[in-house]
């Protein structure tokens, strides 16, 4: 049996001008993950990342701690959906990004306010009632992510181990497919995915199945302060 470990990136820079950078916490999360994986993964046959900066930075810090020398393959198929587009389609006034940042910053709980906006924007996207308004509708995004996993497994061959550094959206889409979760419930998975959590997909020539989902025990106990979801 082969294994693909899907790793959600470390915490990004919420509220910063450039979100697509790991925060200090995100870098620390990536290092702790690498240290944890060192005892579990005596061999890594392939490393893949999406094309986003936070994917690469998570991979770099994790692999350094894991003590694995690898040149990750960058695949846009493992990139996150375009959240900026989803938000603007849901709330057109936020085409002015400055206004969005001002409204979020002014909220009593900015992270909660953003999460509520995120949930509403994603629900509209997944509903299927507005597919023609999006550059990448939900069915297309889901199919892209499933095909990315399929292609990686075909390239790996039998009994190999791969690390994939990606985002919550692709992990959600892949898990939804493996677990046969209806579209309207799929993103309940997304809200529970921890930064630098690990989802394990086991595969063979005939099948593939979800072995673990959102494993983040490495952030329990002494590392509890590193557990984040956004």
C-alpha atoms as a PDB file:
ATOM      1  CA  UNK A   1       0.000   0.000   0.000  1.00  0.00           C
ATOM      2  CA  UNK A   2       1.137   3.539  -0.719  1.00  0.00           C
ATOM      3  CA  UNK A   3       0.439   6.667   1.299  1.00  0.00           C
ATOM      4  CA  UNK A   4      -0.190  10.314   0.441  1.00  0.00           C
ATOM      5  CA  UNK A   5      -0.046  12.716   3.365  1.00  0.00           C
ATOM      6  CA  UNK A   6      -2.033  15.887   2.683  1.00  0.00           C
ATOM      7  CA  UNK A   7      -0.681  18.694   4.879  1.00  0.00           C
ATOM      8  CA  UNK A   8      -2.600  21.897   5.343  1.00  0.00           C
ATOM      9  CA  UNK A   9      -0.240  24.883   5.351  1.00  0.00           C
ATOM     10  CA  UNK A  10       0.803  26.619   8.559  1.00  0.00           C
ATOM     11  CA  UNK A  11      -0.974  29.714   9.809  1.00  0.00           C
ATOM     12  CA  UNK A  12      -0.838  32.509   7.239  1.00  0.00           C
ATOM     13  CA  UNK A  13      -0.661  36.240   7.942  1.00  0.00           C
ATOM     14  CA  UNK A  14      -4.279  37.145   8.695  1.00  0.00           C
ATOM     15  CA  UNK A  15      -4.852  40.891   8.499  1.00  0.00           C
ATOM     16  CA  UNK A  16      -1.535  41.630   6.823  1.00  0.00           C
ATOM     17  CA  UNK A  17      -1.184  43.335   3.441  1.00  0.00           C
ATOM     18  CA  UNK A  18       0.053  40.014   2.030  1.00  0.00           C
ATOM     19  CA  UNK A  19      -1.917  37.112   3.495  1.00  0.00           C
ATOM     20  CA  UNK A  20       0.143  34.585   1.531  1.00  0.00           C
ATOM     21  CA  UNK A  21       3.037  34.479   4.006  1.00  0.00           C
ATOM     22  CA  UNK A  22       3.384  32.273   7.053  1.00  0.00           C
ATOM     23  CA  UNK A  23       3.104  33.998  10.397  1.00  0.00           C
ATOM     24  CA  UNK A  24       5.712  33.251  13.063  1.00  0.00           C
ATOM     25  CA  UNK A  25       3.253  30.747  14.472  1.00  0.00           C
ATOM     26  CA  UNK A  26       2.910  29.156  11.026  1.00  0.00           C
ATOM     27  CA  UNK A  27       6.665  28.641  10.763  1.00  0.00           C
ATOM     28  CA  UNK A  28       6.775  27.126  14.260  1.00  0.00           C
ATOM     29  CA  UNK A  29       3.870  24.804  13.389  1.00  0.00           C
ATOM     30  CA  UNK A  30       5.710  23.603  10.294  1.00  0.00           C
ATOM     31  CA  UNK A  31       8.854  22.838  12.277  1.00  0.00           C
ATOM     32  CA  UNK A  32       6.957  20.916  14.967  1.00  0.00           C
ATOM     33  CA  UNK A  33       5.222  18.892  12.264  1.00  0.00           C
ATOM     34  CA  UNK A  34       8.563  18.006  10.692  1.00  0.00           C
ATOM     35  CA  UNK A  35       9.997  16.932  14.023  1.00  0.00           C
ATOM     36  CA  UNK A  36       6.947  14.756  14.654  1.00  0.00           C
ATOM     37  CA  UNK A  37       7.072  13.127  11.235  1.00  0.00           C
ATOM     38  CA  UNK A  38      10.756  12.278  11.548  1.00  0.00           C
ATOM     39  CA  UNK A  39      10.055   9.144  13.593  1.00  0.00           C
ATOM     40  CA  UNK A  40       7.134   8.091  11.401  1.00  0.00           C
ATOM     41  CA  UNK A  41       8.515   8.544   7.904  1.00  0.00           C
ATOM     42  CA  UNK A  42      11.811   6.749   7.371  1.00  0.00           C
ATOM     43  CA  UNK A  43      11.403   7.374   3.652  1.00  0.00           C
ATOM     44  CA  UNK A  44       9.735  10.059   1.566  1.00  0.00           C
ATOM     45  CA  UNK A  45       9.548   9.295  -2.139  1.00  0.00           C
ATOM     46  CA  UNK A  46       8.007  12.533  -3.364  1.00  0.00           C
ATOM     47  CA  UNK A  47       7.194  16.010  -2.090  1.00  0.00           C
ATOM     48  CA  UNK A  48       4.586  18.175  -3.789  1.00  0.00           C
ATOM     49  CA  UNK A  49       3.334  21.679  -3.033  1.00  0.00           C
ATOM     50  CA  UNK A  50       0.765  23.986  -4.494  1.00  0.00           C
ATOM     51  CA  UNK A  51       2.159  27.156  -6.030  1.00  0.00           C
ATOM     52  CA  UNK A  52       1.284  29.511  -3.173  1.00  0.00           C
ATOM     53  CA  UNK A  53       3.988  31.027  -0.979  1.00  0.00           C
ATOM     54  CA  UNK A  54       2.450  29.614   2.205  1.00  0.00           C
ATOM     55  CA  UNK A  55       2.633  26.109   0.706  1.00  0.00           C
ATOM     56  CA  UNK A  56       6.314  26.462  -0.101  1.00  0.00           C
ATOM     57  CA  UNK A  57       7.213  28.019   3.237  1.00  0.00           C
ATOM     58  CA  UNK A  58       5.415  25.253   5.119  1.00  0.00           C
ATOM     59  CA  UNK A  59       7.238  22.628   3.078  1.00  0.00           C
ATOM     60  CA  UNK A  60      10.631  24.292   3.576  1.00  0.00           C
ATOM     61  CA  UNK A  61      10.326  24.522   7.372  1.00  0.00           C
ATOM     62  CA  UNK A  62       8.806  21.053   7.715  1.00  0.00           C
ATOM     63  CA  UNK A  63      11.379  19.325   5.519  1.00  0.00           C
ATOM     64  CA  UNK A  64      14.264  21.034   7.308  1.00  0.00           C
ATOM     65  CA  UNK A  65      13.005  19.696  10.647  1.00  0.00           C
ATOM     66  CA  UNK A  66      12.251  16.324   9.077  1.00  0.00           C
ATOM     67  CA  UNK A  67      15.829  16.297   7.749  1.00  0.00           C
ATOM     68  CA  UNK A  68      14.715  15.411   4.261  1.00  0.00           C
ATOM     69  CA  UNK A  69      16.503  16.970   1.318  1.00  0.00           C
ATOM     70  CA  UNK A  70      14.026  17.326  -1.508  1.00  0.00           C
ATOM     71  CA  UNK A  71      13.084  19.705  -4.276  1.00  0.00           C
ATOM     72  CA  UNK A  72       9.287  19.865  -4.045  1.00  0.00           C
ATOM     73  CA  UNK A  73       7.334  19.657  -7.260  1.00  0.00           C
ATOM     74  CA  UNK A  74       4.987  22.642  -7.573  1.00  0.00           C
ATOM     75  CA  UNK A  75       1.539  21.810  -8.933  1.00  0.00           C
ATOM     76  CA  UNK A  76      -1.147  24.450  -9.383  1.00  0.00           C
ATOM     77  CA  UNK A  77      -3.740  21.673  -9.227  1.00  0.00           C
ATOM     78  CA  UNK A  78      -3.219  21.628  -5.455  1.00  0.00           C
ATOM     79  CA  UNK A  79      -3.808  25.382  -5.101  1.00  0.00           C
ATOM     80  CA  UNK A  80      -6.614  26.869  -3.017  1.00  0.00           C
ATOM     81  CA  UNK A  81      -9.772  28.294  -4.578  1.00  0.00           C
ATOM     82  CA  UNK A  82      -9.891  32.044  -5.236  1.00  0.00           C
ATOM     83  CA  UNK A  83     -11.355  33.322  -1.978  1.00  0.00           C
ATOM     84  CA  UNK A  84     -11.161  36.940  -3.112  1.00  0.00           C
ATOM     85  CA  UNK A  85     -13.504  36.145  -6.002  1.00  0.00           C
ATOM     86  CA  UNK A  86     -15.889  34.223  -3.732  1.00  0.00           C
ATOM     87  CA  UNK A  87     -16.130  37.158  -1.329  1.00  0.00           C
ATOM     88  CA  UNK A  88     -16.732  39.726  -4.076  1.00  0.00           C
ATOM     89  CA  UNK A  89     -19.435  37.583  -5.705  1.00  0.00           C
ATOM     90  CA  UNK A  90     -21.142  37.292  -2.337  1.00  0.00           C
ATOM     91  CA  UNK A  91     -20.618  40.929  -1.298  1.00  0.00           C
ATOM     92  CA  UNK A  92     -19.781  43.107  -4.353  1.00  0.00           C
ATOM     93  CA  UNK A  93     -18.875  46.121  -2.187  1.00  0.00           C
ATOM     94  CA  UNK A  94     -15.751  44.195  -1.151  1.00  0.00           C
ATOM     95  CA  UNK A  95     -14.275  44.614  -4.591  1.00  0.00           C
ATOM     96  CA  UNK A  96     -12.687  47.460  -2.644  1.00  0.00           C
ATOM     97  CA  UNK A  97     -10.291  45.369  -0.563  1.00  0.00           C
ATOM     98  CA  UNK A  98      -9.528  48.325   1.682  1.00  0.00           C
ATOM     99  CA  UNK A  99     -13.179  48.427   2.715  1.00  0.00           C
ATOM    100  CA  UNK A 100     -13.112  44.701   3.476  1.00  0.00           C
ATOM    101  CA  UNK A 101     -10.063  45.052   5.712  1.00  0.00           C
ATOM    102  CA  UNK A 102     -11.578  48.061   7.478  1.00  0.00           C
ATOM    103  CA  UNK A 103     -14.845  46.250   8.178  1.00  0.00           C
ATOM    104  CA  UNK A 104     -13.085  43.148   9.493  1.00  0.00           C
ATOM    105  CA  UNK A 105     -10.710  45.191  11.671  1.00  0.00           C
ATOM    106  CA  UNK A 106     -13.626  47.167  13.113  1.00  0.00           C
ATOM    107  CA  UNK A 107     -15.543  44.062  14.164  1.00  0.00           C
ATOM    108  CA  UNK A 108     -15.478  43.162  17.897  1.00  0.00           C
ATOM    109  CA  UNK A 109     -13.924  39.800  16.955  1.00  0.00           C
ATOM    110  CA  UNK A 110     -12.177  40.165  13.577  1.00  0.00           C
ATOM    111  CA  UNK A 111     -11.392  36.477  13.120  1.00  0.00           C
ATOM    112  CA  UNK A 112     -14.984  35.491  13.874  1.00  0.00           C
ATOM    113  CA  UNK A 113     -16.273  38.170  11.510  1.00  0.00           C
ATOM    114  CA  UNK A 114     -14.034  36.913   8.736  1.00  0.00           C
ATOM    115  CA  UNK A 115     -15.064  33.312   9.393  1.00  0.00           C
ATOM    116  CA  UNK A 116     -18.735  34.257   9.063  1.00  0.00           C
ATOM    117  CA  UNK A 117     -18.052  36.051   5.782  1.00  0.00           C
ATOM    118  CA  UNK A 118     -16.004  33.072   4.559  1.00  0.00           C
ATOM    119  CA  UNK A 119     -18.805  30.637   5.426  1.00  0.00           C
ATOM    120  CA  UNK A 120     -21.446  32.682   3.622  1.00  0.00           C
ATOM    121  CA  UNK A 121     -19.298  33.215   0.520  1.00  0.00           C
ATOM    122  CA  UNK A 122     -18.414  29.519   0.275  1.00  0.00           C
ATOM    123  CA  UNK A 123     -22.040  28.446   0.781  1.00  0.00           C
ATOM    124  CA  UNK A 124     -23.070  30.601  -2.185  1.00  0.00           C
ATOM    125  CA  UNK A 125     -20.281  29.093  -4.290  1.00  0.00           C
ATOM    126  CA  UNK A 126     -21.107  25.488  -3.412  1.00  0.00           C
ATOM    127  CA  UNK A 127     -24.875  25.917  -3.809  1.00  0.00           C
ATOM    128  CA  UNK A 128     -24.737  25.402  -7.576  1.00  0.00           C
ATOM    129  CA  UNK A 129     -27.128  28.284  -8.198  1.00  0.00           C
ATOM    130  CA  UNK A 130     -24.475  30.736  -9.401  1.00  0.00           C
ATOM    131  CA  UNK A 131     -21.922  28.567 -11.224  1.00  0.00           C
ATOM    132  CA  UNK A 132     -21.834  30.818 -14.275  1.00  0.00           C
ATOM    133  CA  UNK A 133     -20.562  33.722 -12.143  1.00  0.00           C
ATOM    134  CA  UNK A 134     -17.313  32.048 -11.073  1.00  0.00           C
ATOM    135  CA  UNK A 135     -14.103  31.531 -13.018  1.00  0.00           C
ATOM    136  CA  UNK A 136     -13.840  28.133 -11.297  1.00  0.00           C
ATOM    137  CA  UNK A 137     -17.217  26.848 -10.070  1.00  0.00           C
ATOM    138  CA  UNK A 138     -17.272  24.426  -7.167  1.00  0.00           C
ATOM    139  CA  UNK A 139     -17.731  21.294  -9.354  1.00  0.00           C
ATOM    140  CA  UNK A 140     -14.703  22.284 -11.415  1.00  0.00           C
ATOM    141  CA  UNK A 141     -12.591  22.963  -8.346  1.00  0.00           C
ATOM    142  CA  UNK A 142     -13.557  19.647  -6.784  1.00  0.00           C
ATOM    143  CA  UNK A 143     -12.761  17.756  -9.986  1.00  0.00           C
ATOM    144  CA  UNK A 144      -9.397  19.537 -10.273  1.00  0.00           C
ATOM    145  CA  UNK A 145      -8.383  18.418  -6.780  1.00  0.00           C
ATOM    146  CA  UNK A 146      -9.536  14.834  -7.238  1.00  0.00           C
ATOM    147  CA  UNK A 147      -7.668  14.583 -10.527  1.00  0.00           C
ATOM    148  CA  UNK A 148      -4.548  16.044  -8.928  1.00  0.00           C
ATOM    149  CA  UNK A 149      -4.536  13.241  -6.354  1.00  0.00           C
ATOM    150  CA  UNK A 150      -5.251  10.632  -9.031  1.00  0.00           C
ATOM    151  CA  UNK A 151      -2.392  11.881 -11.205  1.00  0.00           C
ATOM    152  CA  UNK A 152       0.032  11.941  -8.284  1.00  0.00           C
ATOM    153  CA  UNK A 153      -0.807   8.373  -7.318  1.00  0.00           C
ATOM    154  CA  UNK A 154      -0.363   7.201 -10.899  1.00  0.00           C
ATOM    155  CA  UNK A 155       3.012   8.908 -11.056  1.00  0.00           C
ATOM    156  CA  UNK A 156       4.139   7.507  -7.703  1.00  0.00           C
ATOM    157  CA  UNK A 157       3.380   3.884  -8.466  1.00  0.00           C
ATOM    158  CA  UNK A 158       2.962   1.131  -5.911  1.00  0.00           C
ATOM    159  CA  UNK A 159       3.936   1.350  -2.240  1.00  0.00           C
ATOM    160  CA  UNK A 160       5.351   4.873  -2.232  1.00  0.00           C
ATOM    161  CA  UNK A 161       5.095   7.718   0.270  1.00  0.00           C
ATOM    162  CA  UNK A 162       4.382  11.328  -0.699  1.00  0.00           C
ATOM    163  CA  UNK A 163       3.953  14.580   1.211  1.00  0.00           C
ATOM    164  CA  UNK A 164       1.630  17.162  -0.318  1.00  0.00           C
ATOM    165  CA  UNK A 165       1.630  20.689   1.139  1.00  0.00           C
ATOM    166  CA  UNK A 166      -1.631  22.341   0.166  1.00  0.00           C
ATOM    167  CA  UNK A 167      -4.648  24.225   1.543  1.00  0.00           C
ATOM    168  CA  UNK A 168      -7.905  23.414   3.274  1.00  0.00           C
ATOM    169  CA  UNK A 169      -9.993  23.599   0.104  1.00  0.00           C
ATOM    170  CA  UNK A 170      -8.243  20.800  -1.819  1.00  0.00           C
ATOM    171  CA  UNK A 171      -8.155  18.617   1.296  1.00  0.00           C
ATOM    172  CA  UNK A 172     -11.880  19.210   1.781  1.00  0.00           C
ATOM    173  CA  UNK A 173     -12.670  18.318  -1.838  1.00  0.00           C
ATOM    174  CA  UNK A 174     -10.620  15.119  -1.726  1.00  0.00           C
ATOM    175  CA  UNK A 175     -12.108  14.006   1.593  1.00  0.00           C
ATOM    176  CA  UNK A 176     -15.620  14.803   0.404  1.00  0.00           C
ATOM    177  CA  UNK A 177     -15.072  12.489  -2.556  1.00  0.00           C
ATOM    178  CA  UNK A 178     -13.579   9.679  -0.472  1.00  0.00           C
ATOM    179  CA  UNK A 179     -16.307   9.904   2.179  1.00  0.00           C
ATOM    180  CA  UNK A 180     -19.172  10.611  -0.268  1.00  0.00           C
ATOM    181  CA  UNK A 181     -20.294  13.697   1.642  1.00  0.00           C
ATOM    182  CA  UNK A 182     -23.048  15.797  -0.010  1.00  0.00           C
ATOM    183  CA  UNK A 183     -21.986  19.188  -1.332  1.00  0.00           C
ATOM    184  CA  UNK A 184     -24.052  21.124   1.191  1.00  0.00           C
ATOM    185  CA  UNK A 185     -22.124  19.531   4.063  1.00  0.00           C
ATOM    186  CA  UNK A 186     -18.635  19.377   2.555  1.00  0.00           C
ATOM    187  CA  UNK A 187     -17.279  22.566   4.070  1.00  0.00           C
ATOM    188  CA  UNK A 188     -18.075  21.441   7.587  1.00  0.00           C
ATOM    189  CA  UNK A 189     -14.805  19.561   7.147  1.00  0.00           C
ATOM    190  CA  UNK A 190     -12.969  22.709   6.122  1.00  0.00           C
ATOM    191  CA  UNK A 191     -13.767  24.658   9.278  1.00  0.00           C
ATOM    192  CA  UNK A 192     -12.268  21.879  11.405  1.00  0.00           C
ATOM    193  CA  UNK A 193      -8.952  21.585   9.550  1.00  0.00           C
ATOM    194  CA  UNK A 194      -6.034  22.665  11.728  1.00  0.00           C
ATOM    195  CA  UNK A 195      -3.025  24.492  10.357  1.00  0.00           C
ATOM    196  CA  UNK A 196      -0.349  21.866   9.694  1.00  0.00           C
ATOM    197  CA  UNK A 197      -2.897  19.124  10.327  1.00  0.00           C
ATOM    198  CA  UNK A 198      -2.260  15.906   8.404  1.00  0.00           C
ATOM    199  CA  UNK A 199      -4.759  13.881   6.379  1.00  0.00           C
ATOM    200  CA  UNK A 200      -3.599  10.419   5.318  1.00  0.00           C
ATOM    201  CA  UNK A 201      -4.812   8.764   2.120  1.00  0.00           C
ATOM    202  CA  UNK A 202      -3.825   5.124   1.631  1.00  0.00           C
ATOM    203  CA  UNK A 203      -3.872   3.738  -1.904  1.00  0.00           C
ATOM    204  CA  UNK A 204      -3.325   0.569  -3.884  1.00  0.00           C
ATOM    205  CA  UNK A 205      -3.760  -0.344  -7.519  1.00  0.00           C
ATOM    206  CA  UNK A 206      -7.449  -1.034  -6.942  1.00  0.00           C
ATOM    207  CA  UNK A 207      -8.570   1.432  -4.315  1.00  0.00           C
ATOM    208  CA  UNK A 208      -7.853   4.351  -2.043  1.00  0.00           C
ATOM    209  CA  UNK A 209      -9.289   5.244   1.323  1.00  0.00           C
ATOM    210  CA  UNK A 210      -9.088   7.895   3.998  1.00  0.00           C
ATOM    211  CA  UNK A 211      -6.990   6.552   6.870  1.00  0.00           C
ATOM    212  CA  UNK A 212      -6.815   9.654   9.076  1.00  0.00           C
ATOM    213  CA  UNK A 213      -8.397  13.087   8.801  1.00  0.00           C
ATOM    214  CA  UNK A 214      -6.935  16.303  10.206  1.00  0.00           C
ATOM    215  CA  UNK A 215      -4.479  14.605  12.551  1.00  0.00           C
ATOM    216  CA  UNK A 216      -2.999  17.304  14.796  1.00  0.00           C
ATOM    217  CA  UNK A 217      -1.928  15.526  17.964  1.00  0.00           C
ATOM    218  CA  UNK A 218       1.479  17.184  17.567  1.00  0.00           C
ATOM    219  CA  UNK A 219      -0.207  20.380  18.795  1.00  0.00           C
ATOM    220  CA  UNK A 220      -1.578  18.892  21.984  1.00  0.00           C
ATOM    221  CA  UNK A 221       0.056  18.937  25.384  1.00  0.00           C
ATOM    222  CA  UNK A 222       3.144  21.144  25.493  1.00  0.00           C
ATOM    223  CA  UNK A 223       2.484  22.498  21.989  1.00  0.00           C
ATOM    224  CA  UNK A 224      -1.136  23.439  22.602  1.00  0.00           C
ATOM    225  CA  UNK A 225      -0.440  27.133  21.972  1.00  0.00           C
ATOM    226  CA  UNK A 226       0.381  26.281  18.344  1.00  0.00           C
ATOM    227  CA  UNK A 227      -3.060  24.903  17.536  1.00  0.00           C
ATOM    228  CA  UNK A 228      -4.822  27.268  15.110  1.00  0.00           C
ATOM    229  CA  UNK A 229      -7.445  26.951  12.418  1.00  0.00           C
ATOM    230  CA  UNK A 230      -7.048  30.278  10.554  1.00  0.00           C
END
